[in-house]
Every structure is written in structure tokens, then in C-alpha cells.
Protein backbone atom coordinates (compact mmCIF):
# COMPACT_ATOMS: atom_id res chain seq x y z
CA MET A 1 73.31 -26.54 61.77
CA LYS A 2 72.73 -27.38 65.29
CA LYS A 3 76.07 -28.94 65.97
CA PHE A 4 77.63 -25.81 64.10
CA LEU A 5 76.00 -23.54 66.64
CA ILE A 6 76.93 -25.98 69.77
CA GLY A 7 80.45 -25.28 68.40
CA ILE A 8 80.60 -22.27 68.61
CA VAL A 9 79.07 -21.78 72.13
CA MET A 10 81.81 -24.56 72.93
CA VAL A 11 84.50 -22.03 70.91
CA ILE A 12 83.33 -19.11 73.22
CA VAL A 13 83.17 -20.86 76.78
CA LEU A 14 86.75 -21.96 76.22
CA VAL A 15 87.74 -18.80 74.94
CA VAL A 16 86.20 -17.34 78.37
CA ILE A 17 87.53 -19.85 80.43
CA GLY A 18 90.63 -19.93 78.98
CA MET A 19 91.10 -15.42 79.49
CA LEU A 20 90.18 -15.84 82.86
CA GLY A 21 92.87 -18.84 83.29
CA PHE A 22 95.10 -16.54 82.19
CA LEU A 23 94.37 -13.26 84.13
CA THR A 24 93.95 -15.67 87.37
CA PHE A 25 97.30 -17.35 87.10
CA SER A 26 98.95 -13.73 85.88
CA ASP A 27 97.18 -12.07 88.62
CA TYR A 28 99.77 -9.60 90.32
CA ARG A 29 99.73 -10.40 94.21
CA PRO A 30 101.54 -8.31 96.36
CA GLU A 31 102.72 -8.62 100.03
CA ALA A 32 101.09 -6.90 102.55
CA VAL A 33 103.74 -4.86 102.92
CA GLU A 34 107.09 -4.78 100.72
CA VAL A 35 110.14 -2.65 101.00
CA LEU A 36 110.99 -0.24 97.78
CA HIS A 37 114.16 0.34 96.26
CA ILE A 38 115.76 3.80 96.39
CA GLU A 39 117.43 5.34 93.51
CA PRO A 40 120.26 6.85 95.62
CA LYS A 41 121.69 10.67 94.57
CA GLU A 42 124.43 12.34 96.17
CA ILE A 43 122.13 14.89 98.46
CA ALA A 44 122.88 15.29 102.40
CA ASP A 45 121.82 12.38 104.38
CA ILE A 46 120.34 14.38 107.46
CA VAL A 47 118.02 17.01 107.10
CA ASP A 48 118.17 20.22 108.90
CA SER A 49 115.19 22.86 108.66
CA ASP A 50 111.71 22.62 109.69
CA SER A 51 109.82 24.19 106.67
CA PHE A 52 108.89 22.30 103.42
CA THR A 53 106.90 21.90 100.27
CA VAL A 54 105.30 19.30 98.89
CA CYS A 55 103.10 18.89 96.03
CA THR A 56 100.39 15.45 95.25
CA TRP A 57 99.59 15.51 91.37
CA ASN A 58 97.48 12.48 90.06
CA ILE A 59 99.22 12.88 86.43
CA GLY A 60 96.71 10.86 84.97
CA TYR A 61 99.17 8.59 83.15
CA GLY A 62 100.03 11.43 80.93
CA ALA A 63 96.15 10.76 79.04
CA LEU A 64 93.81 12.93 80.48
CA GLY A 65 94.03 16.16 79.21
CA ALA A 66 91.52 18.29 78.62
CA ASN A 67 90.35 16.93 75.05
CA GLU A 68 90.06 13.38 76.29
CA ASP A 69 87.49 11.64 78.37
CA PHE A 70 87.56 7.95 79.93
CA PHE A 71 85.06 5.30 79.65
CA MET A 72 84.62 4.40 82.89
CA ASP A 73 83.53 7.83 83.43
CA GLY A 74 81.03 7.60 81.15
CA GLY A 75 82.86 8.92 78.47
CA THR A 76 83.93 6.67 75.44
CA LYS A 77 87.62 6.54 74.68
CA VAL A 78 90.08 4.20 76.48
CA ARG A 79 93.82 6.04 74.77
CA PRO A 80 93.90 9.62 73.12
CA ASP A 81 94.39 9.53 69.72
CA SER A 82 98.38 9.70 69.07
CA GLU A 83 101.24 8.67 71.07
CA SER A 84 102.36 12.45 70.76
CA VAL A 85 99.55 13.49 72.87
CA ILE A 86 101.48 11.80 76.01
CA TYR A 87 104.64 13.05 75.33
CA ASP A 88 103.01 16.39 74.85
CA ASN A 89 101.06 16.10 78.07
CA MET A 90 104.30 14.70 79.82
CA LYS A 91 106.44 17.80 78.93
CA ASN A 92 103.88 19.98 80.01
CA ILE A 93 103.30 17.98 83.48
CA LEU A 94 107.04 18.35 84.09
CA SER A 95 107.46 22.07 83.30
CA ASN A 96 104.69 22.81 85.82
CA MET A 97 106.08 20.57 88.45
CA GLU A 98 109.97 22.30 88.18
CA GLU A 99 107.97 25.37 88.30
CA LEU A 100 106.94 24.60 92.28
CA ASP A 101 110.19 23.47 93.09
CA SER A 102 108.60 21.50 95.73
CA ASP A 103 110.60 19.64 98.18
CA PHE A 104 108.81 16.32 98.00
CA PHE A 105 106.34 15.07 94.56
CA MET A 106 103.40 12.37 95.45
CA LEU A 107 102.32 11.69 92.03
CA GLN A 108 99.73 9.30 91.27
CA GLU A 109 98.95 7.38 87.88
CA ILE A 110 102.50 7.00 86.65
CA ASP A 111 102.31 4.03 83.73
CA VAL A 112 105.71 2.52 82.92
CA ASP A 113 104.39 -0.06 80.44
CA SER A 114 100.20 0.54 79.18
CA LYS A 115 98.52 0.18 75.84
CA ARG A 116 96.66 3.01 77.38
CA SER A 117 99.29 5.62 77.20
CA TYR A 118 101.22 4.10 74.17
CA ASN A 119 103.66 2.38 76.43
CA VAL A 120 105.68 5.44 77.17
CA ASN A 121 107.43 5.12 80.48
CA GLN A 122 106.93 8.27 81.82
CA LEU A 123 108.96 7.31 85.10
CA ASP A 124 112.00 7.23 82.53
CA LEU A 125 110.93 10.60 81.74
CA ILE A 126 110.35 12.16 85.66
CA THR A 127 113.78 10.68 86.74
CA GLU A 128 115.34 12.46 83.76
CA VAL A 129 114.51 15.76 85.05
CA TYR A 130 114.66 15.04 88.29
CA SER A 131 117.69 13.83 88.17
CA ASN A 132 119.07 15.03 91.73
CA TYR A 133 115.51 13.50 93.60
CA GLU A 134 115.48 10.34 95.25
CA TYR A 135 112.27 8.28 94.48
CA SER A 136 110.47 5.25 95.00
CA PHE A 137 107.90 3.62 93.22
CA ALA A 138 105.12 1.61 93.59
CA LYS A 139 103.12 -0.64 91.35
CA ASN A 140 99.35 -0.23 91.89
CA TYR A 141 98.13 -1.55 88.56
CA ASP A 142 99.62 -4.68 87.10
CA VAL A 143 97.20 -6.49 84.54
CA SER A 144 98.95 -8.02 81.46
CA PHE A 145 95.44 -7.82 79.36
CA VAL A 146 92.08 -5.84 80.57
CA PRO A 147 89.77 -7.38 78.43
CA VAL A 148 86.89 -4.15 78.38
CA PRO A 149 85.85 -2.10 76.77
CA TRP A 150 86.29 -2.70 72.81
CA PRO A 151 88.81 -1.96 71.69
CA PRO A 152 90.05 -3.63 74.86
CA MET A 153 92.46 -1.46 77.27
CA GLY A 154 95.38 -4.37 76.76
CA GLU A 155 98.05 -4.40 79.23
CA VAL A 156 98.41 -2.28 82.07
CA GLU A 157 101.85 -1.31 84.34
CA ALA A 158 101.57 1.45 86.03
CA GLY A 159 101.79 2.59 90.10
CA ILE A 160 102.71 5.63 92.33
CA ALA A 161 105.87 7.48 93.08
CA THR A 162 107.35 9.72 96.04
CA PHE A 163 109.96 12.12 95.08
CA SER A 164 112.42 13.84 97.64
CA ARG A 165 115.34 16.43 97.28
CA HIS A 166 116.20 15.17 100.71
CA LYS A 167 117.95 11.86 101.86
CA ILE A 168 115.50 8.78 101.97
CA MET A 169 116.16 6.49 105.07
CA ASN A 170 113.93 3.87 104.15
CA SER A 171 110.57 3.15 102.12
CA GLU A 172 108.23 0.88 101.98
CA ARG A 173 104.79 -0.18 99.86
CA HIS A 174 102.02 -1.34 102.23
CA LYS A 175 99.14 -2.95 100.83
CA PHE A 176 95.36 -1.62 101.21
CA GLU A 177 93.59 -4.71 102.19
CA GLY A 178 90.17 -6.23 100.44
CA ASN A 179 89.28 -6.31 96.84
CA TYR A 180 86.93 -6.84 94.62
CA SER A 181 85.94 -10.10 94.07
CA TRP A 182 87.06 -12.66 91.42
CA PRO A 183 87.10 -12.34 88.69
CA LYS A 184 86.97 -8.65 88.60
CA ASN A 185 89.75 -8.41 91.30
CA THR A 186 92.21 -9.80 88.17
CA VAL A 187 91.76 -6.74 85.80
CA MET A 188 91.35 -3.92 88.62
CA LEU A 189 94.11 -1.84 90.27
CA ASP A 190 95.91 -3.36 93.63
CA ARG A 191 95.52 -0.18 95.57
CA CYS A 192 98.07 0.67 98.10
CA PHE A 193 100.22 3.63 100.00
CA THR A 194 103.40 3.99 100.24
CA THR A 195 105.59 5.37 103.08
CA THR A 196 108.90 7.44 102.61
CA VAL A 197 110.85 8.04 105.95
CA ILE A 198 113.06 11.30 105.83
CA ASN A 199 115.61 11.64 109.13
CA LEU A 200 115.84 15.18 110.42
CA GLN A 201 118.85 16.87 111.95
CA ASN A 202 118.63 17.86 115.84
CA LYS A 203 115.34 16.15 116.25
CA GLU A 204 114.93 12.54 117.86
CA ALA A 205 111.73 12.36 115.45
CA ASP A 206 111.09 11.40 111.62
CA LEU A 207 109.31 12.88 108.36
CA VAL A 208 106.95 10.35 107.48
CA LEU A 209 105.70 11.21 103.80
CA VAL A 210 102.64 8.95 103.15
CA ASN A 211 101.33 8.90 99.57
CA ALA A 212 98.08 7.18 98.54
CA HIS A 213 95.66 6.50 96.17
CA PHE A 214 92.13 5.26 97.20
CA SER A 215 89.46 3.63 95.14
CA ALA A 216 87.54 5.51 93.03
CA TYR A 217 84.82 3.04 91.90
CA ASP A 218 83.59 0.77 94.31
CA ASP A 219 80.32 1.05 96.81
CA GLY A 220 82.54 2.56 99.29
CA SER A 221 83.56 -0.75 101.36
CA LEU A 222 86.54 -0.69 99.92
CA ARG A 223 87.40 3.02 100.90
CA GLU A 224 86.68 2.46 104.80
CA LYS A 225 88.40 -0.59 104.99
CA GLN A 226 91.44 1.80 103.12
CA LEU A 227 90.63 4.48 105.73
CA LYS A 228 90.85 2.57 108.41
CA ALA A 229 94.52 1.08 106.93
CA ALA A 230 95.65 4.18 106.78
CA LYS A 231 94.72 6.18 109.99
CA ASP A 232 95.93 2.78 111.49
CA TYR A 233 99.51 3.61 109.97
CA ILE A 234 99.77 7.31 110.43
CA THR A 235 98.35 7.26 114.27
CA GLN A 236 101.18 4.46 114.58
CA GLU A 237 104.01 6.89 113.54
CA TYR A 238 102.90 9.76 115.59
CA ASP A 239 102.48 8.02 118.68
CA LYS A 240 106.14 7.13 118.13
CA GLY A 241 106.89 11.07 118.29
CA ASN A 242 107.19 11.40 114.40
CA TYR A 243 105.97 14.10 111.84
CA VAL A 244 103.46 12.70 109.20
CA VAL A 245 102.33 14.09 106.44
CA LEU A 246 99.74 12.19 104.65
CA GLY A 247 98.74 12.96 100.62
CA GLY A 248 97.18 11.75 97.52
CA ASP A 249 94.09 11.50 95.23
CA TRP A 250 91.55 10.67 98.06
CA ASN A 251 88.78 9.68 95.40
CA GLN A 252 86.30 11.11 98.20
CA THR A 253 85.94 14.90 99.43
CA PHE A 254 86.24 16.67 102.42
CA GLU A 255 83.21 17.71 104.77
CA SER A 256 84.51 21.40 104.74
CA VAL A 257 84.48 21.53 101.16
CA ASP A 258 81.09 23.27 99.52
CA THR A 259 80.32 21.72 96.90
CA SER A 260 77.85 24.06 95.68
CA GLN A 261 80.66 26.18 94.38
CA PHE A 262 81.35 23.62 91.84
CA LYS A 263 79.14 22.29 89.02
CA LEU A 264 77.97 18.96 89.82
CA TYR A 265 75.87 16.13 88.66
CA LYS A 266 72.54 15.64 90.47
CA ASN A 267 71.33 12.46 88.36
CA GLY A 268 72.93 9.64 89.94
CA GLU A 269 74.29 7.96 86.80
CA LEU A 270 77.51 9.56 86.72
CA TYR A 271 80.56 9.16 89.56
CA MET A 272 79.95 11.85 92.35
CA PRO A 273 82.55 11.33 95.19
CA SER A 274 81.90 10.29 98.55
CA VAL A 275 82.58 12.42 101.71
CA ILE A 276 85.02 11.31 103.98
CA PRO A 277 83.02 10.45 107.38
CA SER A 278 83.63 13.12 109.70
CA ASP A 279 85.06 11.23 112.65
CA TRP A 280 87.93 9.64 110.67
CA LEU A 281 90.23 12.21 111.91
CA ASP A 282 91.55 12.25 115.73
CA SER A 283 91.59 15.44 117.08
CA GLY A 284 94.59 17.36 116.67
CA TRP A 285 95.41 16.03 113.15
CA THR A 286 94.36 18.68 110.33
CA TYR A 287 93.34 18.47 106.75
CA ALA A 288 95.39 20.48 104.44
CA ILE A 289 93.27 20.92 101.57
CA ASP A 290 92.18 24.31 99.44
CA ASP A 291 88.86 23.64 99.00
CA ASN A 292 87.99 27.19 96.82
CA LYS A 293 89.64 25.79 93.69
CA PRO A 294 88.69 22.19 92.12
CA THR A 295 91.23 19.23 91.68
CA TYR A 296 89.56 17.02 89.58
CA ARG A 297 87.20 16.95 86.78
CA LEU A 298 85.00 14.29 85.45
CA LEU A 299 85.92 12.38 81.85
CA ASN A 300 82.58 11.99 80.97
CA ALA A 301 83.76 14.20 78.39
CA PRO A 302 86.04 16.60 76.83
CA TYR A 303 86.43 19.68 79.57
CA ILE A 304 83.89 22.85 79.01
CA GLU A 305 84.72 25.01 81.63
CA GLY A 306 81.35 25.71 83.79
CA LEU A 307 80.17 22.44 82.21
CA THR A 308 81.94 20.03 83.26
CA GLN A 309 81.78 18.38 86.71
CA VAL A 310 84.58 19.54 89.06
CA GLY A 311 85.64 19.24 93.07
CA VAL A 312 88.09 18.70 95.53
CA ILE A 313 88.76 15.09 95.97
CA ASP A 314 93.03 15.75 96.56
CA GLY A 315 94.98 17.02 99.58
CA PHE A 316 96.51 16.08 102.64
CA VAL A 317 96.68 15.29 106.30
CA VAL A 318 98.63 16.23 108.61
CA SER A 319 100.12 15.68 112.36
CA PRO A 320 99.19 17.79 115.48
CA ASN A 321 103.24 18.45 115.32
CA ILE A 322 103.24 19.82 112.03
CA LEU A 323 102.00 23.76 111.39
CA VAL A 324 100.48 23.77 108.10
CA LYS A 325 101.53 27.37 106.49
CA GLU A 326 99.46 27.40 102.96
CA VAL A 327 97.92 25.22 100.98
CA GLU A 328 97.04 25.82 97.29
CA VAL A 329 95.43 24.08 94.36
CA LEU A 330 97.61 24.99 90.86
CA GLU A 331 94.82 25.88 88.46
CA LEU A 332 95.99 24.37 85.11
CA ASP A 333 92.13 24.03 83.32
CA PHE A 334 93.10 20.68 83.42
CA LYS A 335 94.98 21.13 80.26
CA HIS A 336 97.29 18.09 80.75
CA SER A 337 95.94 15.98 83.59
CA ASP A 338 91.99 15.58 84.90
CA HIS A 339 93.72 16.56 88.42
CA ASN A 340 95.16 20.09 89.26
CA PRO A 341 98.44 19.64 91.66
CA VAL A 342 97.97 20.67 95.14
CA VAL A 343 101.05 22.03 97.07
CA LEU A 344 101.30 22.44 100.53
CA GLU A 345 103.77 24.11 103.03
CA PHE A 346 104.08 23.16 106.19
CA GLU A 347 106.51 23.59 109.48
CA LEU A 348 107.52 21.10 112.13
CA LYS A 349 106.54 22.38 115.72
């Protein structure tokens, strides 16, 4: 009996070692900066305009509609009950995007081959509809097998993308420095931001769009490093004379947001967004957020208006040479994603 138990323990140890070795060997290791492929379209090379609209939207990999919860937010589920849920969510997300008709879209959490979304290639679904937009895509999650919870999440391949109805000069993936320690880093996201450069007619400057998805489940140390990296980049581009718009899912809230207007849990047991430090943004730079409507909802349980925790963690920052004309959250009641889209109308000074 003793030998049998020892044998069982040894088998378990070998399986764990084998799994850790596999995850370590197959771990996605992007370079600090990578040039992204741009899917070329027959559109104008140079933009003759001073006014634009841009939308940022975390689409929740087509799986996080109002009826869903998620285990990392205090729920129990890993994916919806059927593949049809993914297609229904994506159909409605794309319909909403068409109504918005923005010049640019900054999208986060796009799955291209993930068990959690039944391996539906959502990038293909988007590009079929936006066939006249140029775009670039950057992976920020590429894990062969996520072993938690049970049943496990399995394979995940996902990322962020920026779509433009105007010609893209170049686009890059910038790695966020800092990560979780081994072995947790082998199954977590490799966070990044992307840069998309648009050439402007009759101007010596370019329009630089920065799409970012900051960390959510850390003690704040990763977000601090990520905020510094993002600020260093946007400051550098503005100092060159360029127009800069940084948008995305911050997984943090903004100092101007009155959180008392939203339903929030106070027991500290569930995710609560931290506040971006008041001294992070330099003088002249502007937050472009709609602080009266929620942009995210907690996934600890299916969404119930008035009971589910909501808040503002999505929006934009613009450089001093940009005028914010209007910014609005499109309230969609979280029917097809755990985030609402945010739309910014801006003008170049």
C-alpha cells in the first residue's frame, strides 16, 4: 500500500513537472518592439481632415454577454454554454460598430483561436465587415494550455487591434515591461500597447493612435510600470510635434469619476479598480472620458441593472494640441460584452 501511494505521488509530481516544462518551453516571448503587419486597402495615402472620431471597445472575446460570469471575477464559468452565443454576440457587436461609423476603432480582447470562445476567429469576422478599413493586430495572450480552473480554460490566442478608414503609415507592438514571476507568467497575458501612425495632409505632424490594455489582476506594481511606459511613449511623440490619442481598457478608473453614482461592492473581496495617480498626466494633456455612464461591469454573476458592480475604466487621453469636441459612452446594457464602447470626437488644433 505504501509503495502504491508513493507511486501515485511520483506520477503526480512527474505530471506537474512535465506541465511546467511544456508551458515554459512554449511560452510566448515577444520582442520589446515589433513591427506589425498592416492589411493594405485601396484608400487615400494622406488624410485631408482636422476632425476625427475614434471608438475604444473591449469586446470581451465575444463571450461575456449579460448572462455570463467569469471565474477570475468571482464567478464560476470559463466560457458560454454554446458556440452560438459567440456568433450572436459578435453579430451584435459588429452591428453596433457599424452604427458608430468611427474613423478609427481600438478593440481589445479579440480571440483568434481560443477554447474559451469555441475557437471562433473573431478577427476574421471583424475584417469581413470592415473590409475597407486597414488594420493591425497584436497578440497579448498566447498560451497553449491554461490549466485552471476545472474544467480548464485550455488554449488561448487573443490580442488587440486598431482599425482605420484612413491609410496607416506604420504600426508597432510595444511590450509592457514587468510581468508575473515564474511559473504564473507562463499562463498570464503578455500585456502591450500598439501604435498606429496616420499621415496628415498640409501638416508637418502625424496622428499617432495608441491602443492599450492595462493589467487587471495584480497588486498595482505592473500597472505602475505600464503607465510609465505609456507616458514615456506619448510624451516622446508629442515632443516630436505629433498629435497623440491614447485609448483603451485601463483597468483603472479616473480621478474625476464620482464612483458613488455607481453600484460598488465595499467588502474588498471582489475586483475594485484602482485610481490612476493624480500626477500621472502632465499639464496640458486631457482625459477624454464620459464619467457619468459605466464602461464595465463585474463578472462575478450575470448582469442585473442596479445590483451588478459597474464603473468607468475605459476612455482616452489626448495631447495638448488636440481639442476634445465630444466623448460619450454608448450604453448597451452589457448585452454582448462586459464593456460598453466609448466614442471620442476630436479636432486637431
